[in-house]
Structure formats: structure tokens, C-alpha cells
Amino acid sequence: MREAALQQPRSSGFPLVDRLGELCISGRDSAAYLWQVPMDMNVRAEIDRKLVEIRAECERQNRREMNRIVEELETALAASPSPQQVEILQDGFDRLVKLWQAAKSGLL
């Protein structure tokens, strides 16, 4: 019996990525890119679209705690490009990813 348990593959510890996770991770990557090119209007428009999709997905999954962060990110995105703005975007997307991971792992 013990040998059978040892032969089973262990889970990686990371939850399977659903649409909300994809959007949060992709948004985090886009925000990180803004450190290199803070005035890239195409990436800013992409982040704006992702926030709209994240909000819709949060509503669909009844994830109200994430909507407050999305609102903060929308406000930051509307501000003039600056290092502080990019930092707020990155931090916000990091928080969204962590909330998503916690929910998928059963912590929330």
C-alpha cells in the first residue's frame, strides 16, 4: 500500500489556471512590461480591456473582494504614466493573482 502512494505523482501545488487566473497573470505581465516602456499606449489599452474582462469574470464567479482591487487599478490606469502608477498596477495585479490562487486552493 505504501509503495502505491509513493508512485502517485504529487500535485505541483499550483491551481489549474481558469479564465480569471489567465487574465490576472497576463495583466501582471503587462504591468511589468510598463516598467520598460511606460508610455506604451497599446499595452495600456490592453490592460484596460483585461480589467473589464476581470471585472466581468469576478461577477460571474461571485468574487466581490477582487472588484475593489480592479477599481483601484482602473483609477491608477487613468492617471498620468509614472513610476508610481506602474508600481500601483503591478502591486494590484499581484494582489489579484494571490487572491485568485487562494480561492483556487480552497483558502478562501
N, C-alpha and C. Protein backbone atom coordinates (compact mmCIF):
# COMPACT_ATOMS: atom_id res chain seq x y z
N MET A 1 0.82 -1.19 0.00
CA MET A 1 0.00 0.00 0.00
C MET A 1 0.86 1.25 0.00
N ARG A 2 1.93 1.21 0.78
CA ARG A 2 2.80 2.38 0.86
C ARG A 2 3.50 2.61 -0.48
N GLU A 3 3.87 1.57 -1.19
CA GLU A 3 4.53 1.74 -2.48
C GLU A 3 3.62 2.42 -3.48
N ALA A 4 2.34 2.08 -3.45
CA ALA A 4 1.39 2.71 -4.38
C ALA A 4 1.29 4.20 -4.11
N ALA A 5 1.32 4.58 -2.84
CA ALA A 5 1.25 6.00 -2.51
C ALA A 5 2.51 6.73 -2.98
N LEU A 6 3.65 6.07 -2.94
CA LEU A 6 4.89 6.70 -3.36
C LEU A 6 4.95 6.86 -4.87
N GLN A 7 4.25 6.01 -5.61
CA GLN A 7 4.31 6.06 -7.07
C GLN A 7 3.37 7.10 -7.66
N GLN A 8 2.41 7.57 -6.88
CA GLN A 8 1.46 8.56 -7.41
C GLN A 8 2.17 9.90 -7.55
N PRO A 9 1.94 10.56 -8.68
CA PRO A 9 2.59 11.86 -8.85
C PRO A 9 2.00 12.88 -7.88
N ARG A 10 2.86 13.74 -7.40
CA ARG A 10 2.41 14.78 -6.49
C ARG A 10 1.88 15.96 -7.29
N SER A 11 0.92 16.65 -6.72
CA SER A 11 0.44 17.84 -7.40
C SER A 11 1.49 18.93 -7.26
N SER A 12 1.52 19.81 -8.22
CA SER A 12 2.54 20.85 -8.25
C SER A 12 2.30 21.92 -7.19
N GLY A 13 1.12 21.96 -6.61
CA GLY A 13 0.82 22.98 -5.63
C GLY A 13 0.20 24.22 -6.26
N PHE A 14 0.24 24.31 -7.57
CA PHE A 14 -0.36 25.44 -8.27
C PHE A 14 -1.73 25.04 -8.78
N PRO A 15 -2.71 25.90 -8.60
CA PRO A 15 -4.05 25.56 -9.09
C PRO A 15 -4.09 25.61 -10.61
N LEU A 16 -5.03 24.86 -11.19
CA LEU A 16 -5.23 24.93 -12.62
C LEU A 16 -5.70 26.34 -12.98
N VAL A 17 -5.18 26.86 -14.05
CA VAL A 17 -5.46 28.24 -14.42
C VAL A 17 -6.77 28.30 -15.19
N ASP A 18 -7.75 29.02 -14.63
CA ASP A 18 -9.01 29.26 -15.32
C ASP A 18 -8.93 30.62 -16.01
N ARG A 19 -10.03 31.08 -16.57
CA ARG A 19 -10.03 32.35 -17.32
C ARG A 19 -9.64 33.52 -16.42
N LEU A 20 -10.15 33.57 -15.20
CA LEU A 20 -9.81 34.65 -14.28
C LEU A 20 -8.32 34.64 -13.97
N GLY A 21 -7.76 33.48 -13.73
CA GLY A 21 -6.33 33.36 -13.48
C GLY A 21 -5.50 33.81 -14.67
N GLU A 22 -5.92 33.41 -15.87
CA GLU A 22 -5.22 33.84 -17.08
C GLU A 22 -5.17 35.35 -17.18
N LEU A 23 -6.32 35.98 -16.94
CA LEU A 23 -6.41 37.43 -17.04
C LEU A 23 -5.54 38.13 -16.00
N CYS A 24 -5.57 37.63 -14.77
CA CYS A 24 -4.78 38.24 -13.70
C CYS A 24 -3.28 38.10 -13.96
N ILE A 25 -2.87 36.92 -14.38
CA ILE A 25 -1.45 36.68 -14.66
C ILE A 25 -0.99 37.49 -15.87
N SER A 26 -1.81 37.52 -16.90
CA SER A 26 -1.48 38.30 -18.09
C SER A 26 -1.42 39.79 -17.77
N GLY A 27 -2.35 40.26 -16.95
CA GLY A 27 -2.33 41.67 -16.54
C GLY A 27 -1.09 42.00 -15.76
N ARG A 28 -0.68 41.10 -14.87
CA ARG A 28 0.55 41.30 -14.10
C ARG A 28 1.75 41.41 -15.04
N ASP A 29 1.81 40.54 -16.06
CA ASP A 29 2.90 40.58 -17.02
C ASP A 29 2.89 41.89 -17.82
N SER A 30 1.71 42.34 -18.21
CA SER A 30 1.59 43.60 -18.96
C SER A 30 2.03 44.78 -18.10
N ALA A 31 1.65 44.78 -16.84
CA ALA A 31 2.05 45.86 -15.93
C ALA A 31 3.57 45.85 -15.75
N ALA A 32 4.17 44.68 -15.68
CA ALA A 32 5.63 44.58 -15.56
C ALA A 32 6.31 45.15 -16.80
N TYR A 33 5.72 44.94 -17.95
CA TYR A 33 6.28 45.48 -19.20
C TYR A 33 6.31 47.01 -19.17
N LEU A 34 5.34 47.62 -18.50
CA LEU A 34 5.28 49.08 -18.45
C LEU A 34 6.49 49.70 -17.76
N TRP A 35 7.22 48.91 -16.96
CA TRP A 35 8.46 49.44 -16.36
C TRP A 35 9.45 49.79 -17.47
N GLN A 36 9.44 49.01 -18.55
CA GLN A 36 10.37 49.23 -19.64
C GLN A 36 9.89 50.33 -20.59
N VAL A 37 8.57 50.34 -20.85
CA VAL A 37 8.00 51.28 -21.81
C VAL A 37 6.73 51.88 -21.19
N PRO A 38 6.89 52.83 -20.26
CA PRO A 38 5.73 53.34 -19.52
C PRO A 38 4.69 54.07 -20.37
N MET A 39 5.08 54.56 -21.54
CA MET A 39 4.14 55.32 -22.37
C MET A 39 3.49 54.47 -23.47
N ASP A 40 3.67 53.16 -23.45
CA ASP A 40 3.12 52.29 -24.49
C ASP A 40 1.60 52.27 -24.39
N MET A 41 0.95 53.01 -25.26
CA MET A 41 -0.50 53.15 -25.21
C MET A 41 -1.22 51.85 -25.60
N ASN A 42 -0.59 51.03 -26.43
CA ASN A 42 -1.20 49.75 -26.79
C ASN A 42 -1.29 48.83 -25.57
N VAL A 43 -0.23 48.78 -24.78
CA VAL A 43 -0.24 47.94 -23.58
C VAL A 43 -1.23 48.50 -22.57
N ARG A 44 -1.29 49.81 -22.46
CA ARG A 44 -2.25 50.43 -21.54
C ARG A 44 -3.69 50.09 -21.95
N ALA A 45 -3.97 50.13 -23.24
CA ALA A 45 -5.30 49.76 -23.73
C ALA A 45 -5.58 48.28 -23.47
N GLU A 46 -4.55 47.45 -23.62
CA GLU A 46 -4.68 46.01 -23.35
C GLU A 46 -5.00 45.78 -21.86
N ILE A 47 -4.32 46.50 -20.98
CA ILE A 47 -4.58 46.38 -19.54
C ILE A 47 -6.02 46.82 -19.24
N ASP A 48 -6.46 47.88 -19.89
CA ASP A 48 -7.83 48.36 -19.69
C ASP A 48 -8.84 47.29 -20.09
N ARG A 49 -8.61 46.65 -21.23
CA ARG A 49 -9.52 45.57 -21.68
C ARG A 49 -9.49 44.40 -20.69
N LYS A 50 -8.31 44.08 -20.19
CA LYS A 50 -8.20 42.97 -19.24
C LYS A 50 -8.95 43.29 -17.95
N LEU A 51 -8.88 44.54 -17.51
CA LEU A 51 -9.61 44.91 -16.30
C LEU A 51 -11.12 44.77 -16.49
N VAL A 52 -11.61 45.12 -17.67
CA VAL A 52 -13.03 44.95 -17.96
C VAL A 52 -13.40 43.46 -17.91
N GLU A 53 -12.55 42.63 -18.51
CA GLU A 53 -12.80 41.19 -18.51
C GLU A 53 -12.68 40.60 -17.10
N ILE A 54 -11.70 41.07 -16.33
CA ILE A 54 -11.56 40.59 -14.96
C ILE A 54 -12.79 40.93 -14.15
N ARG A 55 -13.28 42.16 -14.30
CA ARG A 55 -14.49 42.57 -13.58
C ARG A 55 -15.67 41.66 -13.94
N ALA A 56 -15.83 41.38 -15.22
CA ALA A 56 -16.93 40.52 -15.67
C ALA A 56 -16.77 39.10 -15.12
N GLU A 57 -15.56 38.59 -15.15
CA GLU A 57 -15.31 37.24 -14.65
C GLU A 57 -15.50 37.17 -13.13
N CYS A 58 -15.12 38.22 -12.44
CA CYS A 58 -15.34 38.28 -10.99
C CYS A 58 -16.83 38.25 -10.67
N GLU A 59 -17.61 38.98 -11.44
CA GLU A 59 -19.06 38.98 -11.25
C GLU A 59 -19.62 37.59 -11.51
N ARG A 60 -19.15 36.97 -12.58
CA ARG A 60 -19.63 35.63 -12.93
C ARG A 60 -19.31 34.62 -11.83
N GLN A 61 -18.13 34.74 -11.22
CA GLN A 61 -17.69 33.81 -10.18
C GLN A 61 -18.04 34.29 -8.78
N ASN A 62 -18.74 35.42 -8.69
CA ASN A 62 -19.15 35.99 -7.40
C ASN A 62 -17.93 36.29 -6.52
N ARG A 63 -16.90 36.87 -7.10
CA ARG A 63 -15.65 37.21 -6.41
C ARG A 63 -15.62 38.70 -6.12
N ARG A 64 -16.45 39.14 -5.22
CA ARG A 64 -16.61 40.57 -4.93
C ARG A 64 -15.35 41.21 -4.34
N GLU A 65 -14.56 40.44 -3.61
CA GLU A 65 -13.36 41.02 -2.98
C GLU A 65 -12.35 41.50 -4.01
N MET A 66 -12.42 40.96 -5.21
CA MET A 66 -11.48 41.36 -6.25
C MET A 66 -11.90 42.64 -6.96
N ASN A 67 -13.19 42.95 -6.93
CA ASN A 67 -13.68 44.14 -7.62
C ASN A 67 -13.10 45.42 -7.05
N ARG A 68 -12.85 45.47 -5.76
CA ARG A 68 -12.27 46.67 -5.14
C ARG A 68 -10.88 46.92 -5.71
N ILE A 69 -10.11 45.86 -5.87
CA ILE A 69 -8.76 45.99 -6.43
C ILE A 69 -8.85 46.42 -7.90
N VAL A 70 -9.80 45.86 -8.64
CA VAL A 70 -9.99 46.25 -10.05
C VAL A 70 -10.29 47.74 -10.14
N GLU A 71 -11.13 48.24 -9.23
CA GLU A 71 -11.44 49.68 -9.23
C GLU A 71 -10.18 50.51 -8.98
N GLU A 72 -9.33 50.07 -8.05
CA GLU A 72 -8.08 50.78 -7.78
C GLU A 72 -7.18 50.78 -9.02
N LEU A 73 -7.14 49.66 -9.72
CA LEU A 73 -6.30 49.56 -10.92
C LEU A 73 -6.84 50.45 -12.04
N GLU A 74 -8.16 50.52 -12.17
CA GLU A 74 -8.75 51.39 -13.19
C GLU A 74 -8.42 52.85 -12.91
N THR A 75 -8.46 53.22 -11.64
CA THR A 75 -8.10 54.60 -11.25
C THR A 75 -6.63 54.87 -11.56
N ALA A 76 -5.77 53.94 -11.21
CA ALA A 76 -4.34 54.10 -11.47
C ALA A 76 -4.07 54.18 -12.96
N LEU A 77 -4.75 53.37 -13.74
CA LEU A 77 -4.53 53.36 -15.18
C LEU A 77 -4.95 54.67 -15.82
N ALA A 78 -5.94 55.33 -15.25
CA ALA A 78 -6.42 56.60 -15.79
C ALA A 78 -5.46 57.76 -15.48
N ALA A 79 -4.58 57.57 -14.51
CA ALA A 79 -3.63 58.62 -14.13
C ALA A 79 -2.51 58.74 -15.16
N SER A 80 -1.78 59.82 -15.08
CA SER A 80 -0.64 60.02 -15.98
C SER A 80 0.41 58.95 -15.73
N PRO A 81 1.04 58.46 -16.82
CA PRO A 81 2.09 57.45 -16.66
C PRO A 81 3.22 57.97 -15.76
N SER A 82 3.58 57.16 -14.79
CA SER A 82 4.68 57.49 -13.89
C SER A 82 5.17 56.19 -13.25
N PRO A 83 6.35 56.22 -12.66
CA PRO A 83 6.83 55.02 -11.96
C PRO A 83 5.88 54.59 -10.83
N GLN A 84 5.31 55.56 -10.14
CA GLN A 84 4.37 55.24 -9.06
C GLN A 84 3.13 54.55 -9.61
N GLN A 85 2.65 55.02 -10.75
CA GLN A 85 1.48 54.42 -11.36
C GLN A 85 1.76 52.98 -11.76
N VAL A 86 2.91 52.74 -12.35
CA VAL A 86 3.28 51.37 -12.76
C VAL A 86 3.40 50.48 -11.54
N GLU A 87 3.97 51.00 -10.47
CA GLU A 87 4.09 50.23 -9.23
C GLU A 87 2.72 49.86 -8.67
N ILE A 88 1.79 50.79 -8.70
CA ILE A 88 0.43 50.51 -8.23
C ILE A 88 -0.21 49.43 -9.09
N LEU A 89 -0.02 49.52 -10.41
CA LEU A 89 -0.58 48.49 -11.31
C LEU A 89 0.02 47.12 -11.02
N GLN A 90 1.34 47.06 -10.88
CA GLN A 90 1.97 45.77 -10.60
C GLN A 90 1.51 45.21 -9.26
N ASP A 91 1.48 46.04 -8.25
CA ASP A 91 1.06 45.59 -6.93
C ASP A 91 -0.39 45.10 -6.96
N GLY A 92 -1.24 45.83 -7.65
CA GLY A 92 -2.65 45.43 -7.74
C GLY A 92 -2.83 44.10 -8.43
N PHE A 93 -2.13 43.91 -9.54
CA PHE A 93 -2.24 42.62 -10.23
C PHE A 93 -1.64 41.49 -9.40
N ASP A 94 -0.57 41.77 -8.67
CA ASP A 94 -0.02 40.76 -7.75
C ASP A 94 -1.07 40.36 -6.72
N ARG A 95 -1.77 41.33 -6.17
CA ARG A 95 -2.82 41.05 -5.18
C ARG A 95 -3.96 40.24 -5.81
N LEU A 96 -4.33 40.57 -7.05
CA LEU A 96 -5.37 39.80 -7.72
C LEU A 96 -4.94 38.35 -7.92
N VAL A 97 -3.70 38.15 -8.35
CA VAL A 97 -3.19 36.78 -8.56
C VAL A 97 -3.20 36.01 -7.24
N LYS A 98 -2.77 36.65 -6.16
CA LYS A 98 -2.74 35.97 -4.86
C LYS A 98 -4.14 35.62 -4.38
N LEU A 99 -5.10 36.53 -4.56
CA LEU A 99 -6.48 36.22 -4.19
C LEU A 99 -7.02 35.08 -5.04
N TRP A 100 -6.74 35.10 -6.33
CA TRP A 100 -7.20 34.04 -7.21
C TRP A 100 -6.60 32.70 -6.78
N GLN A 101 -5.27 32.69 -6.50
CA GLN A 101 -4.63 31.45 -6.08
C GLN A 101 -5.21 30.94 -4.77
N ALA A 102 -5.46 31.83 -3.84
CA ALA A 102 -6.03 31.43 -2.55
C ALA A 102 -7.41 30.82 -2.74
N ALA A 103 -8.20 31.42 -3.60
CA ALA A 103 -9.55 30.89 -3.84
C ALA A 103 -9.49 29.53 -4.53
N LYS A 104 -8.59 29.38 -5.49
CA LYS A 104 -8.49 28.10 -6.21
C LYS A 104 -7.94 26.99 -5.32
N SER A 105 -7.12 27.36 -4.34
CA SER A 105 -6.55 26.34 -3.47
C SER A 105 -7.47 26.00 -2.30
N GLY A 106 -8.58 26.73 -2.19
CA GLY A 106 -9.55 26.45 -1.13
C GLY A 106 -9.35 27.25 0.14
N LEU A 107 -8.41 28.19 0.14
CA LEU A 107 -8.18 29.01 1.32
C LEU A 107 -9.27 30.06 1.52
N LEU A 108 -9.90 30.48 0.45
CA LEU A 108 -10.99 31.48 0.55
C LEU A 108 -12.31 30.86 0.23
